[in-house]
Amino acid sequence: MADLLKSQELDRLNAKTLSEQVLDVEVSKVVIPIAAGRNIAVLVEVAVRNHILLMRGENSTKQFSKRQRQLMLKESKSG
């Protein structure tokens, strides 16, 4: 479970791509930190959708980080 892992070991935005060899075939791997009380089905569905987007060339993590950075800069200039 996620609360048993050290915080520096968790990559919540999944910035790096992992893979594993299964029967001599390279298979994409996603590690999902799960805390007690979380809906595992929703987390898996999001991971699958994100993988499909990556296969299409869309990096949702980078897009999210870019939008967040832009909003933070906009708020710091106006505030």
Protein backbone atom coordinates (compact mmCIF):
# COMPACT_ATOMS: atom_id res chain seq x y z
CA MET A 1 0.00 0.00 0.00
CA ALA A 2 1.11 3.55 -0.66
CA ASP A 3 1.36 4.54 2.98
CA LEU A 4 3.98 1.81 3.52
CA LEU A 5 6.27 3.22 0.82
CA LYS A 6 8.68 6.06 1.37
CA SER A 7 7.38 9.31 -0.09
CA GLN A 8 10.47 9.77 -2.29
CA GLU A 9 9.84 6.37 -3.92
CA LEU A 10 6.40 7.44 -5.20
CA ASP A 11 6.10 9.01 -8.63
CA ARG A 12 2.55 10.31 -8.49
CA LEU A 13 2.66 11.86 -11.97
CA ASN A 14 4.29 8.79 -13.53
CA ALA A 15 6.84 10.91 -15.37
CA LYS A 16 8.99 7.94 -16.41
CA THR A 17 7.92 4.98 -18.51
CA LEU A 18 8.48 1.52 -17.07
CA SER A 19 8.53 -1.81 -18.87
CA GLU A 20 9.04 -5.46 -18.09
CA GLN A 21 10.01 -8.53 -20.11
CA VAL A 22 7.29 -11.19 -20.29
CA LEU A 23 8.11 -14.24 -22.43
CA ASP A 24 10.73 -12.20 -24.32
CA VAL A 25 8.19 -9.45 -25.10
CA GLU A 26 8.60 -5.92 -23.76
CA VAL A 27 5.40 -4.99 -21.89
CA SER A 28 4.58 -1.53 -20.50
CA LYS A 29 4.34 -1.43 -16.73
CA VAL A 30 2.48 1.03 -14.51
CA VAL A 31 2.99 1.15 -10.74
CA ILE A 32 -0.07 2.59 -9.00
CA PRO A 33 0.33 3.66 -5.38
CA ILE A 34 -2.92 2.76 -3.62
CA ALA A 35 -3.97 4.04 -0.21
CA ALA A 36 -6.68 2.50 1.94
CA GLY A 37 -10.19 3.44 0.89
CA ARG A 38 -9.35 4.28 -2.72
CA ASN A 39 -11.36 2.99 -5.67
CA ILE A 40 -8.94 0.63 -7.40
CA ALA A 41 -11.13 0.22 -10.50
CA VAL A 42 -11.06 3.97 -11.18
CA LEU A 43 -7.28 4.13 -10.68
CA VAL A 44 -6.74 1.26 -13.12
CA GLU A 45 -9.12 2.84 -15.66
CA VAL A 46 -7.19 6.13 -15.50
CA ALA A 47 -3.89 4.28 -15.95
CA VAL A 48 -5.26 2.47 -19.01
CA ARG A 49 -6.60 5.70 -20.54
CA ASN A 50 -3.28 7.41 -19.92
CA HIS A 51 -1.45 4.51 -21.61
CA ILE A 52 -3.75 4.71 -24.64
CA LEU A 53 -3.05 8.46 -24.89
CA LEU A 54 0.69 7.80 -24.69
CA MET A 55 0.40 5.26 -27.51
CA ARG A 56 -1.33 7.97 -29.59
CA GLY A 57 1.49 10.41 -28.84
CA GLU A 58 -0.38 12.50 -26.25
CA ASN A 59 1.46 12.95 -22.95
CA SER A 60 -1.25 13.96 -20.48
CA THR A 61 1.25 14.32 -17.62
CA LYS A 62 3.27 16.92 -19.51
CA GLN A 63 0.10 18.70 -20.61
CA PHE A 64 -1.20 18.80 -17.03
CA SER A 65 2.13 20.08 -15.68
CA LYS A 66 2.28 22.76 -18.38
CA ARG A 67 -1.28 23.98 -17.65
CA GLN A 68 -0.61 24.00 -13.91
CA ARG A 69 2.63 25.99 -14.38
CA GLN A 70 0.84 28.51 -16.62
CA LEU A 71 -1.95 29.00 -14.05
CA MET A 72 0.57 29.44 -11.24
CA LEU A 73 2.50 32.05 -13.24
CA LYS A 74 -0.73 33.86 -14.15
CA GLU A 75 -1.84 33.94 -10.51
CA SER A 76 1.57 35.11 -9.27
CA LYS A 77 1.56 38.01 -11.77
CA SER A 78 -1.99 39.09 -10.91
CA GLY A 79 -1.71 38.60 -7.14
